[in-house]
């Protein structure tokens, strides 16, 4: 039964206005799903309702880079050193349920493993347009740090995995939309929400836009040393606006099967960065730290004793905001890539698709990049 079918007897009471409104909405959505399309290439399922069980796995890969004047910290060493922390989250997994009418509906997902963050997605697709929004929030203290320096006549190039003294909190929002030039023969919705069916292979040139926002915050007092070696930066916010032209193709190798691929190089014309600098009382503990480390190095105290002292010291540290500033970076190139596989039989369908995005920022001697990918898998029934 569709929303646009006549109301059953008995709906002439208080619910009549609601039923009438839903009927109009259903008629509009029904017409939009096939408006302007070649029915030989794009079919509309007879049963319009969809109930879908969804699974999602995602990962965020964050790398920051800082060139620091080493003479400000240790006068005996050379001018600059490289500090490059690399933070990669454990792949996080979500499961959820979605229900809707011809691709328009609501869903809810819960985290069942990984970074224990939150992940919210929204999508709307029509014959010639589409909009996708993804909000991800997580925190982690696991990192791999690369360190390079020339000191005491020697070159150091080290990489070590460990934990920060306090977690990095990261929030990202990615919103992207597109417009198809060949909506008559090509359907993006067939590959990504199965509200229509691609019957024969076809492709389309498309234009798109993307908005990206991120907020990285590691300004907790226990991260005083980490902030110090990141050029006193404790928080970074970034806004990006991008536009691009790409191509998408739906390949139908056999009845019921659909393989879809899309690639879109993008030009980031708006790239704003806001940086917060912090001061700390880290210098109050430098002499004690050197003395305790020397005792550990000579065997006078054990590693456990040194670590216990360091934990007590961390609780005494404090940081405070010194200043903040906003800057606009140069135009950059970005890209958006997706791949989808769908199989449909009778009222049932199965789909898996993935997306990858890359974002970058730079300001003076600090820079970074964030890679974000996810894979969705779903199995659904039409009612």
Protein backbone atom coordinates (compact mmCIF):
# COMPACT_ATOMS: atom_id res chain seq x y z
CA UNK A 1 0.00 0.00 0.00
CA UNK A 2 1.33 3.45 -0.89
CA UNK A 3 0.66 6.76 0.76
CA UNK A 4 -1.11 7.96 -2.35
CA UNK A 5 -3.69 5.16 -2.41
CA UNK A 6 -7.26 6.10 -1.38
CA UNK A 7 -7.88 6.14 2.34
CA UNK A 8 -9.77 3.21 3.80
CA UNK A 9 -13.33 3.66 5.02
CA UNK A 10 -13.57 5.07 8.48
CA UNK A 11 -10.89 7.74 7.96
CA UNK A 12 -13.44 10.52 7.61
CA UNK A 13 -13.20 11.41 11.29
CA UNK A 14 -10.57 13.47 13.14
CA UNK A 15 -7.71 11.86 11.17
CA UNK A 16 -9.09 12.92 7.79
CA UNK A 17 -6.82 16.03 7.46
CA UNK A 18 -3.76 13.98 8.39
CA UNK A 19 -4.65 11.22 5.93
CA UNK A 20 -5.26 13.79 3.23
CA UNK A 21 -1.90 15.44 3.83
CA UNK A 22 -0.06 12.10 3.78
CA UNK A 23 -1.83 11.18 0.57
CA UNK A 24 -0.62 14.40 -1.08
CA UNK A 25 2.93 13.84 0.17
CA UNK A 26 2.87 10.28 -1.15
CA UNK A 27 1.59 11.40 -4.55
CA UNK A 28 4.36 14.01 -4.74
CA UNK A 29 7.10 11.53 -3.79
CA UNK A 30 5.72 8.92 -6.23
CA UNK A 31 5.82 11.42 -9.08
CA UNK A 32 9.29 12.70 -8.13
CA UNK A 33 10.76 9.19 -8.16
CA UNK A 34 9.95 8.73 -11.88
CA UNK A 35 9.78 12.35 -13.07
CA UNK A 36 11.77 12.88 -16.25
CA UNK A 37 13.30 9.39 -16.33
CA UNK A 38 13.35 6.83 -19.14
CA UNK A 39 11.39 3.90 -17.71
CA UNK A 40 13.41 1.55 -19.93
CA UNK A 41 16.50 2.43 -17.85
CA UNK A 42 15.06 3.27 -14.43
CA UNK A 43 12.23 1.36 -12.81
CA UNK A 44 10.10 2.24 -9.80
CA UNK A 45 9.39 -0.67 -7.39
CA UNK A 46 5.74 -1.56 -7.03
CA UNK A 47 6.00 -1.67 -3.24
CA UNK A 48 7.13 1.78 -2.01
CA UNK A 49 7.92 1.15 1.66
CA UNK A 50 11.40 0.03 2.73
CA UNK A 51 12.60 -1.50 5.99
CA UNK A 52 16.37 -1.87 6.09
CA UNK A 53 18.80 -3.40 8.57
CA UNK A 54 22.04 -1.43 8.31
CA UNK A 55 25.61 -2.00 9.40
CA UNK A 56 28.47 0.50 9.21
CA UNK A 57 32.23 0.33 9.74
CA UNK A 58 34.29 3.52 9.67
CA UNK A 59 37.74 4.82 10.51
CA UNK A 60 39.36 8.22 10.87
CA UNK A 61 43.07 8.75 10.24
CA UNK A 62 44.47 12.03 11.62
CA UNK A 63 48.07 13.14 11.14
CA UNK A 64 49.48 16.40 12.52
CA UNK A 65 52.90 17.90 11.86
CA UNK A 66 54.83 20.54 13.77
CA UNK A 67 58.26 22.12 13.20
CA UNK A 68 59.48 23.45 16.54
CA UNK A 69 62.37 25.74 17.43
CA UNK A 70 64.33 23.31 19.60
CA UNK A 71 66.57 26.01 21.07
CA UNK A 72 63.61 27.32 23.04
CA UNK A 73 63.38 23.98 24.87
CA UNK A 74 66.92 22.54 24.92
CA UNK A 75 69.63 25.13 24.09
CA UNK A 76 72.21 22.41 23.37
CA UNK A 77 70.31 21.12 20.34
CA UNK A 78 70.01 22.38 16.79
CA UNK A 79 67.52 24.90 15.49
CA UNK A 80 64.50 22.81 14.45
CA UNK A 81 62.95 19.46 15.13
CA UNK A 82 60.01 17.63 13.57
CA UNK A 83 57.16 16.31 15.73
CA UNK A 84 54.56 14.28 13.84
CA UNK A 85 51.79 12.57 15.84
CA UNK A 86 49.65 10.10 13.91
CA UNK A 87 46.25 9.17 15.36
CA UNK A 88 44.25 6.38 13.75
CA UNK A 89 41.04 5.25 15.40
CA UNK A 90 40.14 1.62 15.80
CA UNK A 91 37.58 0.78 13.10
CA UNK A 92 34.21 1.49 14.71
CA UNK A 93 31.08 -0.53 13.99
CA UNK A 94 27.44 0.56 14.09
CA UNK A 95 24.20 -1.36 13.52
CA UNK A 96 20.76 0.12 13.05
CA UNK A 97 17.33 0.04 11.48
CA UNK A 98 15.92 2.38 8.82
CA UNK A 99 12.32 2.68 7.54
CA UNK A 100 10.99 4.95 4.86
CA UNK A 101 8.88 5.62 1.81
CA UNK A 102 10.68 5.57 -1.58
CA UNK A 103 14.00 6.50 0.00
CA UNK A 104 12.69 9.14 2.44
CA UNK A 105 12.61 8.03 6.05
CA UNK A 106 14.28 7.80 9.43
CA UNK A 107 16.80 5.47 11.02
CA UNK A 108 18.73 4.90 14.21
CA UNK A 109 22.13 3.26 14.77
CA UNK A 110 24.09 2.28 17.87
CA UNK A 111 27.80 1.72 18.35
CA UNK A 112 28.77 -1.90 19.00
CA UNK A 113 32.55 -1.69 18.78
CA UNK A 114 35.58 0.43 17.96
CA UNK A 115 36.19 4.01 19.01
CA UNK A 116 32.92 4.21 21.03
CA UNK A 117 32.13 7.51 19.36
CA UNK A 118 28.88 8.66 17.83
CA UNK A 119 27.97 8.55 14.16
CA UNK A 120 24.92 10.25 12.63
CA UNK A 121 24.09 10.10 8.91
CA UNK A 122 21.34 11.57 6.76
CA UNK A 123 20.66 11.16 3.04
CA UNK A 124 18.10 12.38 0.52
CA UNK A 125 18.20 11.40 -3.14
CA UNK A 126 16.02 12.35 -6.07
CA UNK A 127 16.14 11.78 -9.80
CA UNK A 128 18.80 14.40 -10.49
CA UNK A 129 20.09 15.43 -7.08
CA UNK A 130 21.38 14.04 -3.81
CA UNK A 131 22.43 15.20 -0.37
CA UNK A 132 24.45 13.28 2.23
CA UNK A 133 25.38 14.44 5.73
CA UNK A 134 27.66 12.58 8.15
CA UNK A 135 28.52 13.70 11.69
CA UNK A 136 31.20 11.80 13.58
CA UNK A 137 32.49 12.40 17.10
CA UNK A 138 35.17 10.44 18.94
CA UNK A 139 38.08 10.69 21.34
CA UNK A 140 41.28 8.67 21.59
CA UNK A 141 44.59 8.74 23.43
CA UNK A 142 46.38 6.21 21.21
CA UNK A 143 48.99 7.68 18.89
CA UNK A 144 52.13 6.94 16.92
CA UNK A 145 54.65 9.76 17.05
CA UNK A 146 57.51 10.33 14.62
CA UNK A 147 60.41 12.45 15.84
CA UNK A 148 63.27 13.87 13.76
CA UNK A 149 66.11 16.10 14.95
CA UNK A 150 69.79 16.84 14.49
CA UNK A 151 71.41 17.06 17.91
CA UNK A 152 74.90 16.61 19.35
CA UNK A 153 76.28 15.88 15.90
CA UNK A 154 73.85 13.05 15.20
CA UNK A 155 70.60 12.65 13.23
CA UNK A 156 67.62 11.13 15.03
CA UNK A 157 64.64 9.58 13.21
CA UNK A 158 62.41 7.69 15.63
CA UNK A 159 58.84 6.40 15.58
CA UNK A 160 57.09 5.13 18.67
CA UNK A 161 53.55 4.08 19.55
CA UNK A 162 52.07 5.10 22.86
CA UNK A 163 49.30 6.97 24.62
CA UNK A 164 48.74 10.64 25.22
CA UNK A 165 48.35 11.78 28.81
CA UNK A 166 44.80 12.93 27.94
CA UNK A 167 42.65 12.08 24.90
CA UNK A 168 42.25 14.11 21.73
CA UNK A 169 38.60 15.00 21.10
CA UNK A 170 37.59 15.17 17.44
CA UNK A 171 34.29 16.22 15.85
CA UNK A 172 33.71 16.23 12.09
CA UNK A 173 30.80 17.09 9.83
CA UNK A 174 30.82 16.28 6.13
CA UNK A 175 27.94 17.39 3.90
CA UNK A 176 28.03 16.78 0.16
CA UNK A 177 25.49 17.25 -2.59
CA UNK A 178 25.41 16.67 -6.33
CA UNK A 179 23.43 17.31 -9.49
CA UNK A 180 23.24 14.81 -12.37
CA UNK A 181 23.19 15.82 -16.03
CA UNK A 182 21.84 12.46 -17.22
CA UNK A 183 19.10 11.83 -14.71
CA UNK A 184 16.97 10.46 -17.51
CA UNK A 185 19.04 7.25 -17.82
CA UNK A 186 21.24 7.18 -14.71
CA UNK A 187 20.07 6.88 -11.10
CA UNK A 188 22.26 7.54 -8.09
CA UNK A 189 19.46 6.43 -5.78
CA UNK A 190 19.46 2.96 -7.35
CA UNK A 191 23.00 2.44 -6.10
CA UNK A 192 22.79 4.05 -2.66
CA UNK A 193 19.26 3.74 -1.25
CA UNK A 194 17.53 1.28 -3.66
CA UNK A 195 14.40 3.44 -3.90
CA UNK A 196 14.48 2.87 -7.67
CA UNK A 197 16.03 0.16 -9.87
CA UNK A 198 18.67 0.65 -12.57
CA UNK A 199 17.59 -1.66 -15.42
CA UNK A 200 20.38 -1.01 -17.96
CA UNK A 201 23.92 0.37 -17.70
CA UNK A 202 24.32 4.14 -17.92
CA UNK A 203 26.59 6.94 -16.73
CA UNK A 204 26.38 10.64 -16.04
CA UNK A 205 28.51 13.72 -15.67
CA UNK A 206 27.79 15.43 -12.36
CA UNK A 207 28.65 18.56 -10.43
CA UNK A 208 28.92 18.61 -6.68
CA UNK A 209 29.66 20.65 -3.63
CA UNK A 210 31.04 19.69 -0.22
CA UNK A 211 31.13 21.35 3.19
CA UNK A 212 33.58 20.12 5.83
CA UNK A 213 33.94 21.11 9.48
CA UNK A 214 36.29 19.68 12.08
CA UNK A 215 37.24 20.51 15.65
CA UNK A 216 40.32 18.94 17.22
CA UNK A 217 40.82 19.67 20.90
CA UNK A 218 43.63 18.33 23.10
CA UNK A 219 43.93 21.33 25.46
CA UNK A 220 43.51 19.37 28.70
CA UNK A 221 46.09 20.24 31.41
CA UNK A 222 47.63 16.74 31.29
CA UNK A 223 48.58 17.39 27.67
CA UNK A 224 50.77 20.37 28.56
CA UNK A 225 53.91 18.75 27.13
CA UNK A 226 52.10 17.66 23.95
CA UNK A 227 50.77 21.21 23.47
CA UNK A 228 54.28 22.59 23.99
CA UNK A 229 55.79 20.53 21.17
CA UNK A 230 52.82 21.38 18.89
CA UNK A 231 53.93 25.04 18.81
CA UNK A 232 51.62 25.80 21.75
CA UNK A 233 48.55 24.86 19.68
CA UNK A 234 45.85 23.11 21.72
CA UNK A 235 42.76 23.45 19.55
CA UNK A 236 42.15 23.64 15.81
CA UNK A 237 38.89 24.34 13.99
CA UNK A 238 38.58 24.11 10.24
CA UNK A 239 35.90 24.99 7.71
CA UNK A 240 36.12 24.03 4.04
CA UNK A 241 33.91 24.61 1.03
CA UNK A 242 34.61 22.71 -2.18
CA UNK A 243 33.11 22.33 -5.64
CA UNK A 244 33.91 19.78 -8.31
CA UNK A 245 32.99 18.01 -11.52
CA UNK A 246 33.05 14.23 -11.75
CA UNK A 247 31.59 11.18 -13.39
CA UNK A 248 29.49 8.27 -12.14
CA UNK A 249 28.61 5.03 -13.88
CA UNK A 250 26.07 2.30 -13.11
CA UNK A 251 27.01 -1.07 -14.57
CA UNK A 252 24.28 -3.75 -14.77
CA UNK A 253 26.12 -7.03 -15.55
CA UNK A 254 23.03 -9.22 -15.06
CA UNK A 255 19.46 -8.97 -13.87
CA UNK A 256 19.32 -7.90 -10.23
CA UNK A 257 22.97 -6.81 -10.07
CA UNK A 258 24.34 -3.27 -10.02
CA UNK A 259 27.94 -2.02 -9.67
CA UNK A 260 28.29 1.75 -9.29
CA UNK A 261 31.41 3.93 -9.13
CA UNK A 262 31.88 7.68 -8.77
CA UNK A 263 34.96 9.92 -8.72
CA UNK A 264 35.00 13.69 -8.31
CA UNK A 265 38.11 15.90 -8.05
CA UNK A 266 37.20 18.98 -6.04
CA UNK A 267 38.60 22.48 -5.67
CA UNK A 268 38.55 23.81 -2.11
CA UNK A 269 37.89 27.52 -2.57
CA UNK A 270 37.05 28.27 1.08
CA UNK A 271 39.53 27.07 3.68
CA UNK A 272 39.33 28.81 7.05
CA UNK A 273 41.34 27.74 10.10
CA UNK A 274 41.06 28.94 13.69
CA UNK A 275 43.97 28.21 16.02
CA UNK A 276 44.12 28.43 19.83
CA UNK A 277 47.50 28.86 21.53
CA UNK A 278 48.04 27.90 25.17
CA UNK A 279 50.61 28.58 27.87
CA UNK A 280 51.31 26.23 30.76
CA UNK A 281 53.29 25.76 33.96
CA UNK A 282 55.35 23.00 32.30
CA UNK A 283 58.61 24.85 32.99
CA UNK A 284 58.00 24.50 36.75
CA UNK A 285 58.70 20.76 36.46
CA UNK A 286 61.57 20.64 33.94
CA UNK A 287 64.39 20.53 36.51
CA UNK A 288 62.63 17.86 38.60
CA UNK A 289 61.93 15.85 35.45
CA UNK A 290 65.59 15.95 34.40
CA UNK A 291 66.67 14.89 37.90
CA UNK A 292 64.16 12.02 38.11
CA UNK A 293 64.99 10.79 34.62
CA UNK A 294 68.69 10.78 35.46
CA UNK A 295 67.92 8.63 38.52
CA UNK A 296 65.97 6.25 36.32
CA UNK A 297 68.71 6.20 33.69
CA UNK A 298 71.36 5.31 36.30
CA UNK A 299 69.16 2.66 37.91
CA UNK A 300 68.65 4.56 41.15
CA UNK A 301 64.87 4.30 40.71
CA UNK A 302 62.77 1.86 38.71
CA UNK A 303 60.54 2.56 35.71
CA UNK A 304 57.50 2.05 37.93
CA UNK A 305 58.77 4.67 40.39
CA UNK A 306 59.47 7.14 37.62
CA UNK A 307 56.02 6.58 36.04
CA UNK A 308 54.33 7.03 39.41
CA UNK A 309 56.16 10.35 39.91
CA UNK A 310 55.18 11.47 36.41
CA UNK A 311 51.51 10.66 37.04
CA UNK A 312 51.56 12.79 40.19
CA UNK A 313 53.23 15.60 38.24
CA UNK A 314 50.60 15.51 35.52
CA UNK A 315 47.92 16.21 38.11
CA UNK A 316 49.76 19.43 39.03
CA UNK A 317 49.98 20.77 35.48
CA UNK A 318 47.81 23.57 34.23
CA UNK A 319 47.20 25.21 30.84
CA UNK A 320 45.47 28.46 29.92
CA UNK A 321 44.54 30.10 26.67
CA UNK A 322 47.04 32.71 25.49
CA UNK A 323 45.41 33.84 22.26
CA UNK A 324 43.51 32.64 19.22
CA UNK A 325 43.48 33.69 15.59
CA UNK A 326 41.71 32.81 12.34
CA UNK A 327 43.32 32.52 8.93
CA UNK A 328 42.34 31.66 5.38
CA UNK A 329 44.53 29.10 3.65
CA UNK A 330 45.32 28.82 -0.02
CA UNK A 331 43.10 27.04 -2.53
CA UNK A 332 43.59 23.28 -2.35
CA UNK A 333 42.52 20.18 -4.21
CA UNK A 334 40.33 17.54 -2.61
CA UNK A 335 38.50 14.49 -3.86
CA UNK A 336 35.34 12.46 -3.25
CA UNK A 337 35.20 8.78 -4.26
CA UNK A 338 32.50 6.11 -3.85
CA UNK A 339 31.89 2.51 -4.84
CA UNK A 340 28.67 0.46 -4.49
CA UNK A 341 27.47 -3.12 -5.09
CA UNK A 342 23.75 -4.02 -5.08
CA UNK A 343 21.78 -7.23 -5.60
CA UNK A 344 17.98 -7.34 -5.72
CA UNK A 345 15.54 -10.27 -5.83
CA UNK A 346 11.76 -10.15 -5.45
CA UNK A 347 11.02 -7.75 -2.58
CA UNK A 348 14.49 -8.07 -1.05
CA UNK A 349 17.78 -6.29 -1.72
CA UNK A 350 21.34 -6.26 -0.47
CA UNK A 351 23.80 -3.37 -0.78
CA UNK A 352 27.32 -2.48 0.29
CA UNK A 353 29.00 0.82 -0.49
CA UNK A 354 32.02 2.79 0.63
CA UNK A 355 33.19 6.39 0.58
CA UNK A 356 36.59 8.04 1.10
CA UNK A 357 37.43 11.69 1.82
CA UNK A 358 40.69 13.55 2.42
CA UNK A 359 41.03 16.99 4.09
CA UNK A 360 44.14 19.08 4.81
CA UNK A 361 45.11 22.21 6.74
CA UNK A 362 48.28 24.24 7.28
CA UNK A 363 49.26 27.29 9.30
CA UNK A 364 52.83 28.55 9.61
CA UNK A 365 54.91 25.67 11.07
CA UNK A 366 51.91 23.43 11.82
CA UNK A 367 49.92 21.34 9.37
CA UNK A 368 47.76 18.25 9.26
CA UNK A 369 45.48 16.04 7.25
CA UNK A 370 42.45 13.89 8.01
CA UNK A 371 41.41 10.81 6.03
CA UNK A 372 37.87 9.61 6.63
CA UNK A 373 36.33 6.44 5.19
CA UNK A 374 33.33 4.29 5.85
CA UNK A 375 31.64 1.18 4.45
CA UNK A 376 27.88 0.61 4.77
CA UNK A 377 26.18 -2.76 4.34
CA UNK A 378 22.42 -3.25 4.37
CA UNK A 379 19.71 -5.81 3.70
CA UNK A 380 16.15 -4.71 3.20
CA UNK A 381 12.61 -5.61 2.25
CA UNK A 382 9.98 -3.64 0.34
CA UNK A 383 6.47 -3.53 1.72
